[in-house]
């Protein structure tokens, strides 16, 4: 029996879908600016950004196409997505704070200033992404609390 995957592109017309696109774009910009990592601050920052990017990419694909195949499981994926987004929001806060605290200085040799500027840009992009994750967590929380699994009562027959 062949299995076909239906892509629900309407997801990108919701606020949650739009914010996921913003999170992925800002996450990619953070990775581009901060890599390669030479300091421990950068290692932590890139760990947070990469794990957040991979998780967000998974939940984007989940909401686009996988949802129809896993809706019979006993896992509330909206709740899991909310907690992932809330934890990622906190971790992004620690990451951008560390990056800006460590690299928002003038470089000793002026020839390395562009590298410090790239690290500061990564921290600023992470600040914006932290805000996007916080807004995304809010919308996911609303979906979680108002969704079809919000109450455990069954619908009366029509």
N, C-alpha and C. Protein backbone atom coordinates (compact mmCIF):
# COMPACT_ATOMS: atom_id res chain seq x y z
N UNK A 1 0.84 -1.17 0.00
CA UNK A 1 0.00 0.00 0.00
C UNK A 1 0.89 1.24 0.00
N UNK A 2 0.82 2.03 -1.04
CA UNK A 2 1.69 3.22 -1.11
C UNK A 2 1.22 4.29 -0.12
N UNK A 3 2.18 4.98 0.41
CA UNK A 3 1.89 6.08 1.34
C UNK A 3 2.27 7.37 0.66
N UNK A 4 1.35 8.28 0.63
CA UNK A 4 1.66 9.60 0.06
C UNK A 4 1.62 10.63 1.17
N UNK A 5 2.44 11.62 1.05
CA UNK A 5 2.51 12.68 2.04
C UNK A 5 1.81 13.90 1.48
N UNK A 6 0.85 14.38 2.22
CA UNK A 6 0.13 15.58 1.80
C UNK A 6 0.74 16.78 2.51
N UNK A 7 1.16 17.76 1.75
CA UNK A 7 1.76 18.97 2.31
C UNK A 7 0.65 19.98 2.54
N UNK A 8 0.52 20.40 3.80
CA UNK A 8 -0.50 21.38 4.16
C UNK A 8 0.17 22.76 4.17
N UNK A 9 0.33 23.35 3.02
CA UNK A 9 1.03 24.64 2.91
C UNK A 9 0.25 25.77 3.55
N UNK A 10 -1.01 25.53 3.90
CA UNK A 10 -1.81 26.56 4.58
C UNK A 10 -1.23 26.91 5.93
N UNK A 11 -0.39 26.04 6.46
CA UNK A 11 0.23 26.29 7.76
C UNK A 11 1.05 27.58 7.74
N UNK A 12 1.66 27.90 6.61
CA UNK A 12 2.47 29.11 6.51
C UNK A 12 1.63 30.37 6.45
N UNK A 13 0.32 30.25 6.33
CA UNK A 13 -0.55 31.42 6.35
C UNK A 13 -1.05 31.74 7.76
N UNK A 14 -0.70 30.89 8.74
CA UNK A 14 -1.04 31.16 10.12
C UNK A 14 0.11 31.92 10.78
N UNK A 15 -0.17 32.54 11.93
CA UNK A 15 0.89 33.27 12.63
C UNK A 15 1.98 32.33 13.11
N UNK A 16 1.61 31.14 13.54
CA UNK A 16 2.62 30.17 13.97
C UNK A 16 3.56 29.77 12.85
N UNK A 17 3.01 29.59 11.65
CA UNK A 17 3.84 29.24 10.50
C UNK A 17 4.75 30.37 10.07
N UNK A 18 4.24 31.59 10.11
CA UNK A 18 5.07 32.75 9.74
C UNK A 18 6.22 32.93 10.73
N UNK A 19 5.93 32.73 11.99
CA UNK A 19 6.97 32.90 13.00
C UNK A 19 8.01 31.80 12.88
N UNK A 20 7.59 30.60 12.51
CA UNK A 20 8.57 29.52 12.31
C UNK A 20 9.53 29.85 11.17
N UNK A 21 9.02 30.48 10.11
CA UNK A 21 9.90 30.89 9.02
C UNK A 21 10.90 31.93 9.51
N UNK A 22 10.43 32.88 10.30
CA UNK A 22 11.33 33.91 10.86
C UNK A 22 12.37 33.25 11.76
N UNK A 23 11.96 32.29 12.59
CA UNK A 23 12.91 31.60 13.48
C UNK A 23 13.97 30.87 12.68
N UNK A 24 13.57 30.21 11.59
CA UNK A 24 14.55 29.47 10.79
C UNK A 24 15.51 30.41 10.07
N UNK A 25 15.01 31.52 9.55
CA UNK A 25 15.88 32.47 8.84
C UNK A 25 16.87 33.11 9.82
N UNK A 26 16.37 33.56 10.98
CA UNK A 26 17.27 34.17 11.96
C UNK A 26 18.26 33.15 12.53
N UNK A 27 17.83 31.91 12.71
CA UNK A 27 18.74 30.86 13.16
C UNK A 27 19.86 30.62 12.15
N UNK A 28 19.52 30.62 10.88
CA UNK A 28 20.55 30.44 9.84
C UNK A 28 21.51 31.62 9.85
N UNK A 29 21.01 32.83 10.02
CA UNK A 29 21.89 34.00 10.09
C UNK A 29 22.81 33.92 11.31
N UNK A 30 22.29 33.45 12.43
CA UNK A 30 23.12 33.29 13.63
C UNK A 30 24.25 32.30 13.37
N UNK A 31 23.92 31.18 12.73
CA UNK A 31 24.95 30.18 12.44
C UNK A 31 25.99 30.72 11.47
N UNK A 32 25.55 31.47 10.47
CA UNK A 32 26.49 32.02 9.50
C UNK A 32 27.44 33.03 10.12
N UNK A 33 26.94 33.83 11.04
CA UNK A 33 27.78 34.86 11.64
C UNK A 33 28.73 34.31 12.69
N UNK A 34 28.32 33.31 13.44
CA UNK A 34 29.11 32.85 14.58
C UNK A 34 30.08 31.72 14.25
N UNK A 35 29.90 31.03 13.17
CA UNK A 35 30.76 29.88 12.86
C UNK A 35 32.02 30.35 12.14
N UNK A 36 33.12 29.71 12.33
CA UNK A 36 33.45 28.59 13.22
C UNK A 36 33.71 29.08 14.64
N UNK A 37 33.54 28.20 15.59
CA UNK A 37 33.67 28.56 16.99
C UNK A 37 35.11 28.37 17.46
N UNK A 38 35.65 29.42 18.10
CA UNK A 38 36.99 29.35 18.66
C UNK A 38 36.99 29.50 20.18
N UNK A 39 35.97 30.14 20.74
CA UNK A 39 35.88 30.38 22.17
C UNK A 39 34.74 29.54 22.76
N UNK A 40 34.80 29.34 24.08
CA UNK A 40 33.76 28.53 24.73
C UNK A 40 32.39 29.20 24.62
N UNK A 41 32.37 30.53 24.60
CA UNK A 41 31.10 31.23 24.42
C UNK A 41 30.47 30.89 23.08
N UNK A 42 31.29 30.84 22.06
CA UNK A 42 30.77 30.50 20.73
C UNK A 42 30.29 29.05 20.67
N UNK A 43 30.97 28.17 21.36
CA UNK A 43 30.55 26.77 21.38
C UNK A 43 29.14 26.65 21.98
N UNK A 44 28.92 27.31 23.11
CA UNK A 44 27.60 27.28 23.73
C UNK A 44 26.57 27.91 22.81
N UNK A 45 26.91 29.05 22.25
CA UNK A 45 25.98 29.77 21.38
C UNK A 45 25.58 28.91 20.18
N UNK A 46 26.57 28.32 19.53
CA UNK A 46 26.25 27.50 18.35
C UNK A 46 25.50 26.23 18.72
N UNK A 47 25.76 25.66 19.89
CA UNK A 47 24.99 24.51 20.33
C UNK A 47 23.52 24.88 20.47
N UNK A 48 23.25 26.01 21.12
CA UNK A 48 21.87 26.46 21.29
C UNK A 48 21.22 26.73 19.94
N UNK A 49 21.92 27.43 19.07
CA UNK A 49 21.34 27.81 17.77
C UNK A 49 21.08 26.58 16.91
N UNK A 50 22.02 25.67 16.86
CA UNK A 50 21.85 24.48 16.01
C UNK A 50 20.75 23.57 16.53
N UNK A 51 20.70 23.34 17.84
CA UNK A 51 19.63 22.50 18.38
C UNK A 51 18.27 23.17 18.20
N UNK A 52 18.20 24.48 18.38
CA UNK A 52 16.96 25.20 18.14
C UNK A 52 16.55 25.14 16.67
N UNK A 53 17.52 25.25 15.78
CA UNK A 53 17.23 25.20 14.35
C UNK A 53 16.70 23.82 13.95
N UNK A 54 17.37 22.77 14.43
CA UNK A 54 16.94 21.41 14.08
C UNK A 54 15.56 21.11 14.64
N UNK A 55 15.32 21.50 15.89
CA UNK A 55 14.01 21.27 16.49
C UNK A 55 12.91 22.05 15.79
N UNK A 56 13.19 23.29 15.45
CA UNK A 56 12.20 24.11 14.74
C UNK A 56 11.94 23.54 13.36
N UNK A 57 12.98 23.07 12.70
CA UNK A 57 12.79 22.45 11.39
C UNK A 57 11.93 21.19 11.50
N UNK A 58 12.15 20.39 12.56
CA UNK A 58 11.32 19.20 12.76
C UNK A 58 9.86 19.58 12.97
N UNK A 59 9.61 20.54 13.86
CA UNK A 59 8.22 20.90 14.14
C UNK A 59 7.56 21.59 12.94
N UNK A 60 8.34 22.26 12.12
CA UNK A 60 7.79 22.82 10.88
C UNK A 60 7.35 21.70 9.94
N UNK A 61 8.22 20.71 9.76
CA UNK A 61 7.86 19.57 8.91
C UNK A 61 6.71 18.77 9.53
N UNK A 62 6.70 18.68 10.84
CA UNK A 62 5.60 17.98 11.52
C UNK A 62 4.27 18.66 11.23
N UNK A 63 4.23 19.98 11.36
CA UNK A 63 2.98 20.70 11.11
C UNK A 63 2.62 20.74 9.64
N UNK A 64 3.62 20.63 8.76
CA UNK A 64 3.33 20.64 7.32
C UNK A 64 2.78 19.31 6.81
N UNK A 65 3.38 18.20 7.25
CA UNK A 65 2.99 16.95 6.59
C UNK A 65 2.88 15.74 7.51
N UNK A 66 3.60 15.67 8.58
CA UNK A 66 3.64 14.46 9.38
C UNK A 66 2.44 14.35 10.31
N UNK A 67 1.76 15.44 10.58
CA UNK A 67 0.69 15.49 11.58
C UNK A 67 -0.40 14.46 11.33
N UNK A 68 -0.72 14.19 10.08
CA UNK A 68 -1.81 13.26 9.78
C UNK A 68 -1.44 11.82 10.15
N UNK A 69 -0.15 11.50 10.18
CA UNK A 69 0.27 10.14 10.47
C UNK A 69 0.47 9.88 11.95
N UNK A 70 0.67 10.92 12.75
CA UNK A 70 0.95 10.71 14.17
C UNK A 70 -0.18 11.20 15.06
N UNK A 71 -1.29 11.63 14.51
CA UNK A 71 -2.35 12.15 15.37
C UNK A 71 -3.04 11.07 16.18
N UNK A 72 -2.87 9.80 15.86
CA UNK A 72 -3.46 8.73 16.64
C UNK A 72 -2.58 8.30 17.81
N UNK A 73 -1.38 8.86 17.92
CA UNK A 73 -0.51 8.53 19.04
C UNK A 73 -1.00 9.24 20.30
N UNK A 74 -0.59 8.72 21.43
CA UNK A 74 -1.04 9.27 22.71
C UNK A 74 -0.14 10.42 23.17
N UNK A 75 0.48 11.13 22.25
CA UNK A 75 1.38 12.24 22.58
C UNK A 75 0.73 13.52 22.10
N UNK A 76 0.67 14.51 22.96
CA UNK A 76 0.16 15.81 22.57
C UNK A 76 1.34 16.62 22.01
N UNK A 77 1.49 16.61 20.68
CA UNK A 77 2.63 17.26 20.05
C UNK A 77 2.60 18.77 20.20
N UNK A 78 1.43 19.35 20.37
CA UNK A 78 1.37 20.79 20.59
C UNK A 78 1.99 21.14 21.94
N UNK A 79 1.75 20.32 22.94
CA UNK A 79 2.35 20.55 24.24
C UNK A 79 3.87 20.35 24.17
N UNK A 80 4.31 19.33 23.48
CA UNK A 80 5.75 19.09 23.31
C UNK A 80 6.39 20.25 22.57
N UNK A 81 5.73 20.75 21.54
CA UNK A 81 6.26 21.88 20.78
C UNK A 81 6.31 23.13 21.65
N UNK A 82 5.31 23.33 22.50
CA UNK A 82 5.33 24.49 23.40
C UNK A 82 6.52 24.44 24.34
N UNK A 83 6.73 23.28 24.98
CA UNK A 83 7.83 23.19 25.94
C UNK A 83 9.18 23.30 25.24
N UNK A 84 9.31 22.75 24.04
CA UNK A 84 10.54 22.93 23.27
C UNK A 84 10.79 24.41 22.99
N UNK A 85 9.75 25.11 22.56
CA UNK A 85 9.91 26.52 22.21
C UNK A 85 10.20 27.36 23.45
N UNK A 86 9.57 27.05 24.57
CA UNK A 86 9.81 27.80 25.80
C UNK A 86 11.24 27.59 26.30
N UNK A 87 11.72 26.36 26.27
CA UNK A 87 13.09 26.07 26.70
C UNK A 87 14.09 26.71 25.75
N UNK A 88 13.82 26.65 24.45
CA UNK A 88 14.70 27.27 23.47
C UNK A 88 14.75 28.78 23.65
N UNK A 89 13.63 29.38 24.04
CA UNK A 89 13.61 30.82 24.32
C UNK A 89 14.58 31.15 25.45
N UNK A 90 14.54 30.38 26.52
CA UNK A 90 15.46 30.62 27.64
C UNK A 90 16.92 30.39 27.21
N UNK A 91 17.16 29.32 26.47
CA UNK A 91 18.54 29.03 26.06
C UNK A 91 19.07 30.10 25.10
N UNK A 92 18.22 30.61 24.21
CA UNK A 92 18.63 31.71 23.34
C UNK A 92 18.99 32.94 24.17
N UNK A 93 18.24 33.17 25.25
CA UNK A 93 18.55 34.31 26.11
C UNK A 93 19.96 34.16 26.70
N UNK A 94 20.30 32.96 27.18
CA UNK A 94 21.64 32.76 27.72
C UNK A 94 22.70 32.87 26.62
N UNK A 95 22.37 32.39 25.43
CA UNK A 95 23.33 32.42 24.33
C UNK A 95 23.63 33.83 23.85
N UNK A 96 22.60 34.63 23.59
CA UNK A 96 22.89 35.97 23.08
C UNK A 96 23.48 36.86 24.16
N UNK A 97 23.11 36.63 25.43
CA UNK A 97 23.71 37.41 26.50
C UNK A 97 25.20 37.12 26.61
N UNK A 98 25.57 35.85 26.52
CA UNK A 98 26.98 35.47 26.59
C UNK A 98 27.76 36.03 25.40
N UNK A 99 27.18 35.94 24.22
CA UNK A 99 27.89 36.44 23.04
C UNK A 99 28.10 37.94 23.11
N UNK A 100 27.08 38.68 23.48
CA UNK A 100 27.22 40.13 23.53
C UNK A 100 28.14 40.56 24.67
N UNK A 101 28.11 39.85 25.79
CA UNK A 101 28.99 40.20 26.89
C UNK A 101 30.45 39.90 26.56
N UNK A 102 30.69 38.86 25.79
CA UNK A 102 32.06 38.46 25.49
C UNK A 102 32.66 39.24 24.32
N UNK A 103 31.85 39.58 23.32
CA UNK A 103 32.42 40.14 22.09
C UNK A 103 32.06 41.60 21.83
N UNK A 104 31.31 42.23 22.69
CA UNK A 104 30.94 43.63 22.46
C UNK A 104 32.04 44.56 22.98
N UNK A 105 33.26 44.28 22.55
CA UNK A 105 34.42 45.09 22.91
C UNK A 105 35.20 45.38 21.63
N UNK A 106 36.11 46.29 21.71
CA UNK A 106 36.98 46.58 20.58
C UNK A 106 38.13 45.59 20.59
N UNK A 107 38.46 45.06 19.44
CA UNK A 107 39.54 44.10 19.34
C UNK A 107 40.88 44.79 19.58
N UNK A 108 41.82 44.06 20.18
CA UNK A 108 43.15 44.63 20.41
C UNK A 108 43.86 44.93 19.10
N UNK A 109 44.08 43.93 18.26
CA UNK A 109 44.61 44.29 16.93
C UNK A 109 43.45 44.73 16.04
N UNK A 110 43.54 45.90 15.44
CA UNK A 110 42.41 46.38 14.62
C UNK A 110 42.09 45.48 13.43
N UNK A 111 43.01 44.63 13.05
CA UNK A 111 42.75 43.77 11.89
C UNK A 111 41.71 42.70 12.19
N UNK A 112 41.47 42.38 13.47
CA UNK A 112 40.49 41.36 13.83
C UNK A 112 39.12 41.94 14.14
N UNK A 113 38.92 43.21 13.94
CA UNK A 113 37.66 43.84 14.33
C UNK A 113 36.48 43.27 13.55
N UNK A 114 36.66 42.91 12.30
CA UNK A 114 35.57 42.35 11.50
C UNK A 114 35.05 41.05 12.12
N UNK A 115 35.96 40.26 12.72
CA UNK A 115 35.56 39.00 13.34
C UNK A 115 34.72 39.28 14.58
N UNK A 116 35.12 40.25 15.39
CA UNK A 116 34.33 40.63 16.56
C UNK A 116 32.97 41.19 16.13
N UNK A 117 32.97 41.96 15.06
CA UNK A 117 31.70 42.51 14.57
C UNK A 117 30.74 41.40 14.13
N UNK A 118 31.28 40.35 13.52
CA UNK A 118 30.44 39.22 13.11
C UNK A 118 29.85 38.52 14.33
N UNK A 119 30.62 38.40 15.41
CA UNK A 119 30.11 37.77 16.63
C UNK A 119 29.03 38.62 17.27
N UNK A 120 29.21 39.94 17.26
CA UNK A 120 28.19 40.83 17.80
C UNK A 120 26.93 40.75 16.94
N UNK A 121 27.09 40.68 15.62
CA UNK A 121 25.93 40.53 14.73
C UNK A 121 25.19 39.23 15.02
N UNK A 122 25.93 38.15 15.28
CA UNK A 122 25.30 36.88 15.64
C UNK A 122 24.51 37.03 16.93
N UNK A 123 25.06 37.74 17.91
CA UNK A 123 24.35 37.96 19.16
C UNK A 123 23.09 38.79 18.98
N UNK A 124 23.15 39.79 18.10
CA UNK A 124 21.97 40.63 17.84
C UNK A 124 20.90 39.84 17.10
N UNK A 125 21.31 39.04 16.12
CA UNK A 125 20.33 38.18 15.44
C UNK A 125 19.71 37.19 16.43
N UNK A 126 20.50 36.70 17.38
CA UNK A 126 19.97 35.79 18.39
C UNK A 126 18.99 36.51 19.32
N UNK A 127 19.24 37.78 19.60
CA UNK A 127 18.29 38.56 20.39
C UNK A 127 16.95 38.64 19.67
N UNK A 128 16.98 38.94 18.38
CA UNK A 128 15.74 38.99 17.60
C UNK A 128 15.08 37.62 17.52
N UNK A 129 15.89 36.57 17.42
CA UNK A 129 15.33 35.22 17.36
C UNK A 129 14.74 34.82 18.71
N UNK A 130 15.35 35.29 19.79
CA UNK A 130 14.78 35.03 21.11
C UNK A 130 13.40 35.65 21.23
N UNK A 131 13.24 36.85 20.71
CA UNK A 131 11.92 37.49 20.72
C UNK A 131 10.94 36.69 19.85
N UNK A 132 11.41 36.22 18.69
CA UNK A 132 10.55 35.43 17.81
C UNK A 132 10.13 34.12 18.50
N UNK A 133 11.06 33.47 19.20
CA UNK A 133 10.71 32.24 19.91
C UNK A 133 9.71 32.52 21.03
N UNK A 134 9.85 33.65 21.72
CA UNK A 134 8.90 33.99 22.78
C UNK A 134 7.50 34.21 22.21
N UNK A 135 7.43 34.92 21.09
CA UNK A 135 6.12 35.14 20.45
C UNK A 135 5.57 33.82 19.93
N UNK A 136 6.44 32.98 19.36
CA UNK A 136 6.01 31.67 18.89
C UNK A 136 5.51 30.79 20.02
N UNK A 137 6.18 30.85 21.18
CA UNK A 137 5.71 30.08 22.34
C UNK A 137 4.34 30.55 22.78
N UNK A 138 4.09 31.84 22.69
CA UNK A 138 2.77 32.37 23.06
C UNK A 138 1.69 31.82 22.13
N UNK A 139 1.93 31.84 20.82
CA UNK A 139 0.94 31.33 19.88
C UNK A 139 0.75 29.82 20.02
N UNK A 140 1.82 29.09 20.28
CA UNK A 140 1.69 27.65 20.47
C UNK A 140 0.92 27.36 21.75
N UNK A 141 1.15 28.18 22.79
CA UNK A 141 0.39 28.02 24.04
C UNK A 141 -1.10 28.23 23.80
N UNK A 142 -1.43 29.24 23.01
CA UNK A 142 -2.84 29.46 22.68
C UNK A 142 -3.42 28.29 21.92
N UNK A 143 -2.67 27.73 20.96
CA UNK A 143 -3.14 26.54 20.23
C UNK A 143 -3.31 25.35 21.16
N UNK A 144 -2.38 25.21 22.10
CA UNK A 144 -2.43 24.09 23.03
C UNK A 144 -3.66 24.18 23.93
N UNK A 145 -3.93 25.36 24.46
CA UNK A 145 -5.03 25.50 25.42
C UNK A 145 -6.40 25.62 24.75
N UNK A 146 -6.46 25.97 23.48
CA UNK A 146 -7.75 26.10 22.79
C UNK A 146 -7.94 25.04 21.72
N UNK A 147 -7.00 24.11 21.59
CA UNK A 147 -7.08 23.10 20.54
C UNK A 147 -8.11 22.03 20.84
N UNK A 148 -8.20 21.04 19.95
CA UNK A 148 -9.21 19.99 20.13
C UNK A 148 -8.93 19.10 21.33
N UNK A 149 -7.70 19.06 21.83
CA UNK A 149 -7.39 18.23 22.98
C UNK A 149 -7.34 19.07 24.26
N UNK A 150 -7.88 20.29 24.23
CA UNK A 150 -7.82 21.16 25.41
C UNK A 150 -8.66 20.62 26.55
N UNK A 151 -9.79 20.06 26.25
CA UNK A 151 -10.61 19.45 27.31
C UNK A 151 -10.81 17.99 26.97
N UNK A 152 -11.01 17.20 27.96
CA UNK A 152 -11.13 15.75 27.75
C UNK A 152 -12.57 15.30 27.61
N UNK A 153 -13.50 16.20 27.43
CA UNK A 153 -14.90 15.82 27.25
C UNK A 153 -15.13 15.43 25.81
N UNK A 154 -16.04 14.55 25.61
CA UNK A 154 -16.37 14.12 24.25
C UNK A 154 -17.52 14.95 23.73
N UNK A 155 -17.55 15.10 22.45
CA UNK A 155 -18.60 15.88 21.80
C UNK A 155 -19.89 15.05 21.76
N UNK A 156 -21.03 15.68 22.04
CA UNK A 156 -22.29 14.93 21.93
C UNK A 156 -22.61 14.69 20.46
N UNK A 157 -23.32 13.60 20.18
CA UNK A 157 -23.67 13.34 18.76
C UNK A 157 -24.56 14.43 18.20
N UNK A 158 -24.32 14.74 16.95
CA UNK A 158 -25.09 15.81 16.30
C UNK A 158 -26.40 15.32 15.78
